All heavy atoms as atom14 arrays in JSON, in Angstrom:
{
  "sequence": "ERVSKIQSFCPHFHLSLQSACNKTLKAMNRKYTIEEYTETVELLRKY",
  "atom14_mask": [
    [1, 1, 1, 1, 1, 1, 1, 1, 1, 0, 0, 0, 0, 0],
    [1, 1, 1, 1, 1, 1, 1, 1, 1, 1, 1, 0, 0, 0],
    [1, 1, 1, 1, 1, 1, 1, 0, 0, 0, 0, 0, 0, 0],
    [1, 1, 1, 1, 1, 1, 0, 0, 0, 0, 0, 0, 0, 0],
    [1, 1, 1, 1, 1, 1, 1, 1, 1, 0, 0, 0, 0, 0],
    [1, 1, 1, 1, 1, 1, 1, 1, 0, 0, 0, 0, 0, 0],
    [1, 1, 1, 1, 1, 1, 1, 1, 1, 0, 0, 0, 0, 0],
    [1, 1, 1, 1, 1, 1, 0, 0, 0, 0, 0, 0, 0, 0],
    [1, 1, 1, 1, 1, 1, 1, 1, 1, 1, 1, 0, 0, 0],
    [1, 1, 1, 1, 1, 1, 0, 0, 0, 0, 0, 0, 0, 0],
    [1, 1, 1, 1, 1, 1, 1, 0, 0, 0, 0, 0, 0, 0],
    [1, 1, 1, 1, 1, 1, 1, 1, 1, 1, 0, 0, 0, 0],
    [1, 1, 1, 1, 1, 1, 1, 1, 1, 1, 1, 0, 0, 0],
    [1, 1, 1, 1, 1, 1, 1, 1, 1, 1, 0, 0, 0, 0],
    [1, 1, 1, 1, 1, 1, 1, 1, 0, 0, 0, 0, 0, 0],
    [1, 1, 1, 1, 1, 1, 0, 0, 0, 0, 0, 0, 0, 0],
    [1, 1, 1, 1, 1, 1, 1, 1, 0, 0, 0, 0, 0, 0],
    [1, 1, 1, 1, 1, 1, 1, 1, 1, 0, 0, 0, 0, 0],
    [1, 1, 1, 1, 1, 1, 0, 0, 0, 0, 0, 0, 0, 0],
    [1, 1, 1, 1, 1, 0, 0, 0, 0, 0, 0, 0, 0, 0],
    [1, 1, 1, 1, 1, 1, 0, 0, 0, 0, 0, 0, 0, 0],
    [1, 1, 1, 1, 1, 1, 1, 1, 0, 0, 0, 0, 0, 0],
    [1, 1, 1, 1, 1, 1, 1, 1, 1, 0, 0, 0, 0, 0],
    [1, 1, 1, 1, 1, 1, 1, 0, 0, 0, 0, 0, 0, 0],
    [1, 1, 1, 1, 1, 1, 1, 1, 0, 0, 0, 0, 0, 0],
    [1, 1, 1, 1, 1, 1, 1, 1, 1, 0, 0, 0, 0, 0],
    [1, 1, 1, 1, 1, 0, 0, 0, 0, 0, 0, 0, 0, 0],
    [1, 1, 1, 1, 1, 1, 1, 1, 0, 0, 0, 0, 0, 0],
    [1, 1, 1, 1, 1, 1, 1, 1, 0, 0, 0, 0, 0, 0],
    [1, 1, 1, 1, 1, 1, 1, 1, 1, 1, 1, 0, 0, 0],
    [1, 1, 1, 1, 1, 1, 1, 1, 1, 0, 0, 0, 0, 0],
    [1, 1, 1, 1, 1, 1, 1, 1, 1, 1, 1, 1, 0, 0],
    [1, 1, 1, 1, 1, 1, 1, 0, 0, 0, 0, 0, 0, 0],
    [1, 1, 1, 1, 1, 1, 1, 1, 0, 0, 0, 0, 0, 0],
    [1, 1, 1, 1, 1, 1, 1, 1, 1, 0, 0, 0, 0, 0],
    [1, 1, 1, 1, 1, 1, 1, 1, 1, 0, 0, 0, 0, 0],
    [1, 1, 1, 1, 1, 1, 1, 1, 1, 1, 1, 1, 0, 0],
    [1, 1, 1, 1, 1, 1, 1, 0, 0, 0, 0, 0, 0, 0],
    [1, 1, 1, 1, 1, 1, 1, 1, 1, 0, 0, 0, 0, 0],
    [1, 1, 1, 1, 1, 1, 1, 0, 0, 0, 0, 0, 0, 0],
    [1, 1, 1, 1, 1, 1, 1, 0, 0, 0, 0, 0, 0, 0],
    [1, 1, 1, 1, 1, 1, 1, 1, 1, 0, 0, 0, 0, 0],
    [1, 1, 1, 1, 1, 1, 1, 1, 0, 0, 0, 0, 0, 0],
    [1, 1, 1, 1, 1, 1, 1, 1, 0, 0, 0, 0, 0, 0],
    [1, 1, 1, 1, 1, 1, 1, 1, 1, 1, 1, 0, 0, 0],
    [1, 1, 1, 1, 1, 1, 1, 1, 1, 0, 0, 0, 0, 0],
    [1, 1, 1, 1, 1, 1, 1, 1, 1, 1, 1, 1, 0, 0]
  ],
  "atom14_positions": [
    [[107.66, 67.58, 128.89], [106.62, 66.53, 129.01], [105.99, 66.57, 130.39], [104.79, 66.4, 130.53], [107.25, 65.13, 128.79], [107.53, 64.8, 127.35], [106.31, 64.39, 126.57], [105.2, 64.28, 127.2], [106.39, 64.23, 125.34], [0.0, 0.0, 0.0], [0.0, 0.0, 0.0], [0.0, 0.0, 0.0], [0.0, 0.0, 0.0], [0.0, 0.0, 0.0]],
    [[106.79, 66.81, 131.41], [106.23, 66.83, 132.76], [105.61, 68.15, 133.14], [104.45, 68.2, 133.63], [107.36, 66.5, 133.76], [107.84, 65.04, 133.65], [108.85, 64.71, 134.73], [108.22, 64.65, 136.06], [108.93, 64.5, 137.19], [110.24, 64.36, 137.12], [108.33, 64.49, 138.34], [0.0, 0.0, 0.0], [0.0, 0.0, 0.0], [0.0, 0.0, 0.0]],
    [[106.34, 69.28, 132.92], [105.79, 70.57, 133.43], [104.56, 71.04, 132.61], [103.74, 71.76, 133.15], [106.88, 71.65, 133.47], [108.02, 71.24, 134.4], [107.36, 72.02, 132.1], [0.0, 0.0, 0.0], [0.0, 0.0, 0.0], [0.0, 0.0, 0.0], [0.0, 0.0, 0.0], [0.0, 0.0, 0.0], [0.0, 0.0, 0.0], [0.0, 0.0, 0.0]],
    [[104.48, 70.65, 131.35], [103.36, 71.09, 130.57], [102.05, 70.44, 131.03], [100.96, 70.96, 130.69], [103.56, 70.72, 129.09], [103.64, 69.33, 128.89], [0.0, 0.0, 0.0], [0.0, 0.0, 0.0], [0.0, 0.0, 0.0], [0.0, 0.0, 0.0], [0.0, 0.0, 0.0], [0.0, 0.0, 0.0], [0.0, 0.0, 0.0], [0.0, 0.0, 0.0]],
    [[102.12, 69.42, 131.84], [100.94, 68.76, 132.37], [100.56, 69.28, 133.76], [99.59, 68.83, 134.34], [101.16, 67.24, 132.44], [101.34, 66.61, 131.04], [101.77, 65.14, 131.13], [102.06, 64.58, 129.75], [102.59, 63.21, 129.81], [0.0, 0.0, 0.0], [0.0, 0.0, 0.0], [0.0, 0.0, 0.0], [0.0, 0.0, 0.0], [0.0, 0.0, 0.0]],
    [[101.37, 70.19, 134.26], [101.09, 70.78, 135.59], [100.24, 72.02, 135.4], [100.67, 72.99, 134.8], [102.41, 71.11, 136.33], [103.23, 69.84, 136.58], [102.11, 71.85, 137.63], [104.62, 70.1, 137.16], [0.0, 0.0, 0.0], [0.0, 0.0, 0.0], [0.0, 0.0, 0.0], [0.0, 0.0, 0.0], [0.0, 0.0, 0.0], [0.0, 0.0, 0.0]],
    [[99.01, 71.98, 135.91], [98.08, 73.06, 135.65], [98.56, 74.38, 136.21], [98.29, 75.45, 135.62], [96.71, 72.7, 136.26], [95.59, 73.69, 135.91], [94.25, 73.22, 136.42], [94.13, 72.13, 137.02], [93.24, 74.04, 136.22], [0.0, 0.0, 0.0], [0.0, 0.0, 0.0], [0.0, 0.0, 0.0], [0.0, 0.0, 0.0], [0.0, 0.0, 0.0]],
    [[99.24, 74.37, 137.31], [99.65, 75.63, 137.95], [100.94, 76.22, 137.36], [101.31, 77.33, 137.67], [99.87, 75.4, 139.46], [100.81, 74.35, 139.67], [0.0, 0.0, 0.0], [0.0, 0.0, 0.0], [0.0, 0.0, 0.0], [0.0, 0.0, 0.0], [0.0, 0.0, 0.0], [0.0, 0.0, 0.0], [0.0, 0.0, 0.0], [0.0, 0.0, 0.0]],
    [[101.6, 75.46, 136.48], [102.83, 75.92, 135.87], [102.57, 77.02, 134.83], [101.74, 76.82, 133.94], [103.61, 74.76, 135.25], [104.97, 75.15, 134.72], [106.05, 75.26, 135.6], [105.15, 75.42, 133.39], [107.28, 75.64, 135.13], [106.4, 75.79, 132.9], [107.48, 75.88, 133.78], [0.0, 0.0, 0.0], [0.0, 0.0, 0.0], [0.0, 0.0, 0.0]],
    [[103.26, 78.12, 134.94], [103.0, 79.29, 134.05], [103.83, 79.17, 132.78], [105.05, 78.94, 132.83], [103.35, 80.59, 134.75], [102.29, 80.96, 136.18], [0.0, 0.0, 0.0], [0.0, 0.0, 0.0], [0.0, 0.0, 0.0], [0.0, 0.0, 0.0], [0.0, 0.0, 0.0], [0.0, 0.0, 0.0], [0.0, 0.0, 0.0], [0.0, 0.0, 0.0]],
    [[103.2, 79.31, 131.6], [103.94, 79.25, 130.32], [104.7, 80.56, 130.07], [104.43, 81.27, 129.09], [102.83, 79.02, 129.31], [101.64, 79.69, 129.91], [101.76, 79.51, 131.41], [0.0, 0.0, 0.0], [0.0, 0.0, 0.0], [0.0, 0.0, 0.0], [0.0, 0.0, 0.0], [0.0, 0.0, 0.0], [0.0, 0.0, 0.0], [0.0, 0.0, 0.0]],
    [[105.62, 80.86, 130.95], [106.39, 82.12, 130.89], [107.84, 81.72, 131.16], [108.18, 81.26, 132.28], [105.86, 83.08, 131.95], [106.73, 84.28, 132.14], [106.84, 84.94, 133.34], [107.53, 84.97, 131.28], [107.65, 85.94, 133.23], [108.1, 86.02, 131.97], [0.0, 0.0, 0.0], [0.0, 0.0, 0.0], [0.0, 0.0, 0.0], [0.0, 0.0, 0.0]],
    [[108.72, 81.93, 130.18], [110.1, 81.45, 130.28], [111.06, 82.63, 129.97], [111.02, 83.19, 128.88], [110.36, 80.36, 129.26], [109.49, 79.14, 129.45], [108.24, 79.1, 128.85], [109.89, 78.06, 130.22], [107.41, 77.98, 129.0], [109.08, 76.94, 130.39], [107.84, 76.92, 129.79], [0.0, 0.0, 0.0], [0.0, 0.0, 0.0], [0.0, 0.0, 0.0]],
    [[111.87, 82.96, 130.98], [112.95, 83.94, 130.7], [114.16, 83.12, 130.34], [114.9, 82.6, 131.19], [113.24, 84.79, 131.95], [114.12, 85.96, 131.62], [113.66, 87.09, 130.98], [115.43, 86.14, 131.8], [114.68, 87.94, 130.81], [115.77, 87.38, 131.29], [0.0, 0.0, 0.0], [0.0, 0.0, 0.0], [0.0, 0.0, 0.0], [0.0, 0.0, 0.0]],
    [[114.36, 83.01, 129.03], [115.35, 82.08, 128.47], [116.61, 82.85, 128.12], [116.63, 83.68, 127.2], [114.72, 81.45, 127.23], [115.39, 80.17, 126.68], [115.31, 79.02, 127.68], [114.69, 79.76, 125.36], [0.0, 0.0, 0.0], [0.0, 0.0, 0.0], [0.0, 0.0, 0.0], [0.0, 0.0, 0.0], [0.0, 0.0, 0.0], [0.0, 0.0, 0.0]],
    [[117.71, 82.59, 128.84], [118.95, 83.32, 128.66], [119.45, 83.25, 127.22], [119.46, 82.16, 126.63], [120.03, 82.77, 129.6], [119.64, 82.91, 130.93], [0.0, 0.0, 0.0], [0.0, 0.0, 0.0], [0.0, 0.0, 0.0], [0.0, 0.0, 0.0], [0.0, 0.0, 0.0], [0.0, 0.0, 0.0], [0.0, 0.0, 0.0], [0.0, 0.0, 0.0]],
    [[119.88, 84.37, 126.67], [120.45, 84.41, 125.34], [121.74, 85.23, 125.27], [122.81, 84.72, 125.0], [119.43, 84.92, 124.31], [119.91, 85.0, 122.85], [120.43, 83.67, 122.37], [118.76, 85.47, 121.94], [0.0, 0.0, 0.0], [0.0, 0.0, 0.0], [0.0, 0.0, 0.0], [0.0, 0.0, 0.0], [0.0, 0.0, 0.0], [0.0, 0.0, 0.0]],
    [[121.68, 86.53, 125.52], [122.78, 87.5, 125.56], [123.21, 87.98, 124.16], [123.54, 89.12, 123.99], [123.98, 86.94, 126.36], [123.67, 86.41, 127.73], [122.92, 87.35, 128.62], [122.8, 88.54, 128.36], [122.35, 86.83, 129.7], [0.0, 0.0, 0.0], [0.0, 0.0, 0.0], [0.0, 0.0, 0.0], [0.0, 0.0, 0.0], [0.0, 0.0, 0.0]],
    [[123.25, 87.09, 123.18], [123.55, 87.5, 121.82], [122.93, 86.47, 120.88], [122.81, 85.29, 121.22], [125.05, 87.59, 121.55], [125.32, 87.84, 120.17], [0.0, 0.0, 0.0], [0.0, 0.0, 0.0], [0.0, 0.0, 0.0], [0.0, 0.0, 0.0], [0.0, 0.0, 0.0], [0.0, 0.0, 0.0], [0.0, 0.0, 0.0], [0.0, 0.0, 0.0]],
    [[122.56, 86.94, 119.66], [122.01, 86.0, 118.69], [122.98, 85.77, 117.55], [122.61, 85.47, 116.42], [120.66, 86.5, 118.16], [0.0, 0.0, 0.0], [0.0, 0.0, 0.0], [0.0, 0.0, 0.0], [0.0, 0.0, 0.0], [0.0, 0.0, 0.0], [0.0, 0.0, 0.0], [0.0, 0.0, 0.0], [0.0, 0.0, 0.0], [0.0, 0.0, 0.0]],
    [[124.27, 85.99, 117.84], [125.34, 85.76, 116.88], [126.33, 84.75, 117.46], [126.82, 84.92, 118.59], [126.03, 87.08, 116.59], [127.59, 86.96, 115.67], [0.0, 0.0, 0.0], [0.0, 0.0, 0.0], [0.0, 0.0, 0.0], [0.0, 0.0, 0.0], [0.0, 0.0, 0.0], [0.0, 0.0, 0.0], [0.0, 0.0, 0.0], [0.0, 0.0, 0.0]],
    [[126.6, 83.66, 116.73], [127.43, 82.6, 117.29], [128.87, 83.08, 117.61], [129.44, 82.63, 118.58], [127.49, 81.43, 116.29], [126.22, 80.6, 116.32], [125.5, 80.59, 117.35], [125.94, 79.91, 115.26], [0.0, 0.0, 0.0], [0.0, 0.0, 0.0], [0.0, 0.0, 0.0], [0.0, 0.0, 0.0], [0.0, 0.0, 0.0], [0.0, 0.0, 0.0]],
    [[129.4, 83.97, 116.79], [130.75, 84.46, 117.06], [130.81, 85.16, 118.42], [131.71, 84.93, 119.22], [131.16, 85.44, 115.95], [132.49, 86.14, 116.19], [132.71, 87.26, 115.22], [133.71, 88.27, 115.77], [133.77, 89.5, 114.96], [0.0, 0.0, 0.0], [0.0, 0.0, 0.0], [0.0, 0.0, 0.0], [0.0, 0.0, 0.0], [0.0, 0.0, 0.0]],
    [[129.78, 85.98, 118.69], [129.75, 86.71, 119.96], [129.46, 85.76, 121.11], [130.07, 85.88, 122.2], [128.69, 87.83, 119.91], [128.93, 88.65, 118.76], [128.7, 88.68, 121.17], [0.0, 0.0, 0.0], [0.0, 0.0, 0.0], [0.0, 0.0, 0.0], [0.0, 0.0, 0.0], [0.0, 0.0, 0.0], [0.0, 0.0, 0.0], [0.0, 0.0, 0.0]],
    [[128.56, 84.82, 120.9], [128.27, 83.81, 121.96], [129.51, 83.06, 122.38], [129.77, 82.81, 123.56], [127.19, 82.83, 121.48], [125.76, 83.37, 121.42], [124.85, 82.35, 120.72], [125.23, 83.69, 122.81], [0.0, 0.0, 0.0], [0.0, 0.0, 0.0], [0.0, 0.0, 0.0], [0.0, 0.0, 0.0], [0.0, 0.0, 0.0], [0.0, 0.0, 0.0]],
    [[130.34, 82.7, 121.39], [131.58, 81.96, 121.69], [132.54, 82.85, 122.48], [133.17, 82.4, 123.44], [132.25, 81.52, 120.4], [133.48, 80.65, 120.61], [134.03, 80.13, 119.32], [135.26, 79.26, 119.54], [135.83, 78.73, 118.27], [0.0, 0.0, 0.0], [0.0, 0.0, 0.0], [0.0, 0.0, 0.0], [0.0, 0.0, 0.0], [0.0, 0.0, 0.0]],
    [[132.63, 84.15, 122.08], [133.48, 85.07, 122.83], [133.01, 85.31, 124.24], [133.82, 85.58, 125.13], [133.56, 86.4, 122.05], [0.0, 0.0, 0.0], [0.0, 0.0, 0.0], [0.0, 0.0, 0.0], [0.0, 0.0, 0.0], [0.0, 0.0, 0.0], [0.0, 0.0, 0.0], [0.0, 0.0, 0.0], [0.0, 0.0, 0.0], [0.0, 0.0, 0.0]],
    [[131.71, 85.19, 124.44], [131.13, 85.34, 125.77], [131.29, 84.09, 126.63], [130.99, 84.12, 127.84], [129.62, 85.66, 125.67], [129.28, 87.03, 125.11], [127.47, 87.18, 124.94], [127.33, 88.96, 124.72], [0.0, 0.0, 0.0], [0.0, 0.0, 0.0], [0.0, 0.0, 0.0], [0.0, 0.0, 0.0], [0.0, 0.0, 0.0], [0.0, 0.0, 0.0]],
    [[131.69, 82.97, 126.0], [131.77, 81.67, 126.66], [130.37, 81.16, 127.06], [130.22, 80.49, 128.08], [132.66, 81.69, 127.9], [133.07, 80.28, 128.35], [133.2, 79.4, 127.54], [133.22, 80.11, 129.65], [0.0, 0.0, 0.0], [0.0, 0.0, 0.0], [0.0, 0.0, 0.0], [0.0, 0.0, 0.0], [0.0, 0.0, 0.0], [0.0, 0.0, 0.0]],
    [[129.38, 81.47, 126.21], [128.05, 80.89, 126.4], [128.12, 79.46, 125.83], [128.8, 79.21, 124.84], [127.0, 81.73, 125.71], [126.9, 83.14, 126.2], [126.48, 83.25, 127.63], [125.09, 82.89, 127.86], [124.54, 82.8, 129.07], [125.26, 83.0, 130.16], [123.24, 82.47, 129.19], [0.0, 0.0, 0.0], [0.0, 0.0, 0.0], [0.0, 0.0, 0.0]],
    [[127.3, 78.57, 126.41], [127.46, 77.16, 126.08], [126.43, 76.66, 125.09], [126.0, 75.48, 125.14], [127.36, 76.32, 127.36], [128.34, 76.73, 128.48], [129.77, 76.51, 128.1], [130.71, 76.59, 129.26], [130.78, 77.89, 129.96], [0.0, 0.0, 0.0], [0.0, 0.0, 0.0], [0.0, 0.0, 0.0], [0.0, 0.0, 0.0], [0.0, 0.0, 0.0]],
    [[126.0, 77.49, 124.15], [125.01, 77.09, 123.14], [125.21, 77.96, 121.92], [125.89, 78.98, 121.96], [123.59, 77.25, 123.68], [123.34, 78.6, 124.33], [123.08, 79.72, 123.57], [123.44, 78.77, 125.71], [122.9, 80.95, 124.14], [123.27, 80.01, 126.28], [122.99, 81.09, 125.5], [122.82, 82.33, 126.08], [0.0, 0.0, 0.0], [0.0, 0.0, 0.0]],
    [[124.6, 77.54, 120.82], [124.61, 78.33, 119.58], [123.21, 78.9, 119.39], [122.25, 78.5, 120.04], [124.96, 77.43, 118.38], [123.95, 76.45, 118.21], [126.32, 76.77, 118.57], [0.0, 0.0, 0.0], [0.0, 0.0, 0.0], [0.0, 0.0, 0.0], [0.0, 0.0, 0.0], [0.0, 0.0, 0.0], [0.0, 0.0, 0.0], [0.0, 0.0, 0.0]],
    [[123.1, 79.83, 118.44], [121.81, 80.42, 118.15], [120.87, 79.37, 117.53], [119.65, 79.39, 117.75], [121.92, 81.67, 117.2], [120.56, 82.35, 117.03], [122.53, 81.28, 115.88], [119.91, 82.81, 118.32], [0.0, 0.0, 0.0], [0.0, 0.0, 0.0], [0.0, 0.0, 0.0], [0.0, 0.0, 0.0], [0.0, 0.0, 0.0], [0.0, 0.0, 0.0]],
    [[121.45, 78.38, 116.83], [120.64, 77.31, 116.28], [120.03, 76.45, 117.4], [118.84, 76.09, 117.35], [121.49, 76.43, 115.33], [121.88, 77.1, 114.04], [123.06, 78.06, 114.16], [123.75, 77.99, 115.23], [123.24, 78.88, 113.25], [0.0, 0.0, 0.0], [0.0, 0.0, 0.0], [0.0, 0.0, 0.0], [0.0, 0.0, 0.0], [0.0, 0.0, 0.0]],
    [[120.81, 76.16, 118.4], [120.33, 75.4, 119.56], [119.25, 76.21, 120.29], [118.23, 75.65, 120.74], [121.45, 75.02, 120.5], [122.4, 73.98, 119.92], [123.66, 73.8, 120.73], [124.14, 74.76, 121.32], [124.18, 72.67, 120.8], [0.0, 0.0, 0.0], [0.0, 0.0, 0.0], [0.0, 0.0, 0.0], [0.0, 0.0, 0.0], [0.0, 0.0, 0.0]],
    [[119.51, 77.47, 120.46], [118.52, 78.35, 121.13], [117.19, 78.36, 120.4], [116.11, 78.26, 120.95], [119.07, 79.76, 121.26], [118.23, 80.68, 122.13], [118.5, 80.85, 123.48], [117.15, 81.39, 121.57], [117.72, 81.7, 124.26], [116.38, 82.23, 122.34], [116.68, 82.39, 123.7], [115.89, 83.23, 124.44], [0.0, 0.0, 0.0], [0.0, 0.0, 0.0]],
    [[117.3, 78.47, 119.05], [116.09, 78.49, 118.21], [115.32, 77.2, 118.35], [114.08, 77.17, 118.44], [116.46, 78.75, 116.74], [117.17, 79.98, 116.64], [115.23, 78.77, 115.87], [0.0, 0.0, 0.0], [0.0, 0.0, 0.0], [0.0, 0.0, 0.0], [0.0, 0.0, 0.0], [0.0, 0.0, 0.0], [0.0, 0.0, 0.0], [0.0, 0.0, 0.0]],
    [[116.02, 76.08, 118.4], [115.35, 74.78, 118.58], [114.63, 74.72, 119.91], [113.53, 74.17, 120.03], [116.4, 73.64, 118.52], [116.93, 73.4, 117.11], [118.05, 72.36, 117.08], [118.31, 71.76, 118.17], [118.69, 72.19, 116.02], [0.0, 0.0, 0.0], [0.0, 0.0, 0.0], [0.0, 0.0, 0.0], [0.0, 0.0, 0.0], [0.0, 0.0, 0.0]],
    [[115.22, 75.33, 120.94], [114.6, 75.36, 122.27], [113.31, 76.17, 122.21], [112.28, 75.77, 122.79], [115.56, 75.95, 123.32], [116.75, 75.13, 123.37], [114.92, 75.96, 124.68], [0.0, 0.0, 0.0], [0.0, 0.0, 0.0], [0.0, 0.0, 0.0], [0.0, 0.0, 0.0], [0.0, 0.0, 0.0], [0.0, 0.0, 0.0], [0.0, 0.0, 0.0]],
    [[113.35, 77.31, 121.56], [112.15, 78.15, 121.43], [111.07, 77.41, 120.69], [109.88, 77.43, 121.07], [112.51, 79.49, 120.7], [111.24, 80.25, 120.32], [113.39, 80.35, 121.58], [0.0, 0.0, 0.0], [0.0, 0.0, 0.0], [0.0, 0.0, 0.0], [0.0, 0.0, 0.0], [0.0, 0.0, 0.0], [0.0, 0.0, 0.0], [0.0, 0.0, 0.0]],
    [[111.42, 76.73, 119.62], [110.44, 75.94, 118.86], [109.83, 74.83, 119.69], [108.65, 74.52, 119.6], [111.12, 75.37, 117.58], [111.47, 76.44, 116.56], [112.3, 75.92, 115.44], [112.77, 74.73, 115.5], [112.54, 76.65, 114.47], [0.0, 0.0, 0.0], [0.0, 0.0, 0.0], [0.0, 0.0, 0.0], [0.0, 0.0, 0.0], [0.0, 0.0, 0.0]],
    [[110.69, 74.24, 120.55], [110.19, 73.15, 121.44], [109.18, 73.7, 122.43], [108.14, 73.08, 122.71], [111.38, 72.51, 122.12], [111.17, 71.16, 122.79], [110.77, 70.12, 121.76], [112.48, 70.73, 123.5], [0.0, 0.0, 0.0], [0.0, 0.0, 0.0], [0.0, 0.0, 0.0], [0.0, 0.0, 0.0], [0.0, 0.0, 0.0], [0.0, 0.0, 0.0]],
    [[109.49, 74.86, 122.99], [108.54, 75.49, 123.93], [107.21, 75.78, 123.28], [106.12, 75.56, 123.86], [109.14, 76.8, 124.46], [110.27, 76.66, 125.49], [110.94, 78.04, 125.72], [109.76, 76.11, 126.8], [0.0, 0.0, 0.0], [0.0, 0.0, 0.0], [0.0, 0.0, 0.0], [0.0, 0.0, 0.0], [0.0, 0.0, 0.0], [0.0, 0.0, 0.0]],
    [[107.26, 76.25, 122.06], [106.02, 76.58, 121.32], [105.26, 75.33, 120.91], [104.06, 75.39, 120.61], [106.35, 77.47, 120.14], [106.74, 78.89, 120.58], [107.32, 79.71, 119.44], [107.57, 81.09, 119.9], [108.34, 81.98, 119.3], [108.97, 81.62, 118.17], [108.52, 83.18, 119.77], [0.0, 0.0, 0.0], [0.0, 0.0, 0.0], [0.0, 0.0, 0.0]],
    [[105.93, 74.21, 120.87], [105.27, 72.96, 120.54], [104.45, 72.47, 121.77], [103.35, 71.93, 121.61], [106.33, 71.89, 120.18], [105.76, 70.51, 119.92], [106.85, 69.52, 119.56], [106.28, 68.09, 119.42], [107.36, 67.1, 119.1], [0.0, 0.0, 0.0], [0.0, 0.0, 0.0], [0.0, 0.0, 0.0], [0.0, 0.0, 0.0], [0.0, 0.0, 0.0]],
    [[104.99, 72.66, 122.95], [104.34, 72.14, 124.17], [103.36, 73.11, 124.8], [102.5, 72.69, 125.56], [105.41, 71.73, 125.19], [106.0, 70.38, 124.92], [107.12, 70.22, 124.06], [105.44, 69.21, 125.46], [107.65, 68.98, 123.81], [105.98, 67.96, 125.19], [107.09, 67.86, 124.38], [107.61, 66.63, 124.13], [0.0, 0.0, 0.0], [0.0, 0.0, 0.0]]
  ]
}
């Protein structure tokens, strides 16, 4: 809500993932699921 209104802010996001498989993400000790990551991508594309 805030950064999308900043004219100088670049719509370029290096969004950490490492794997798109929940089993592997859990083994890596990443703190999200692929479903949560997908929701984040959709949110970025909304704003």
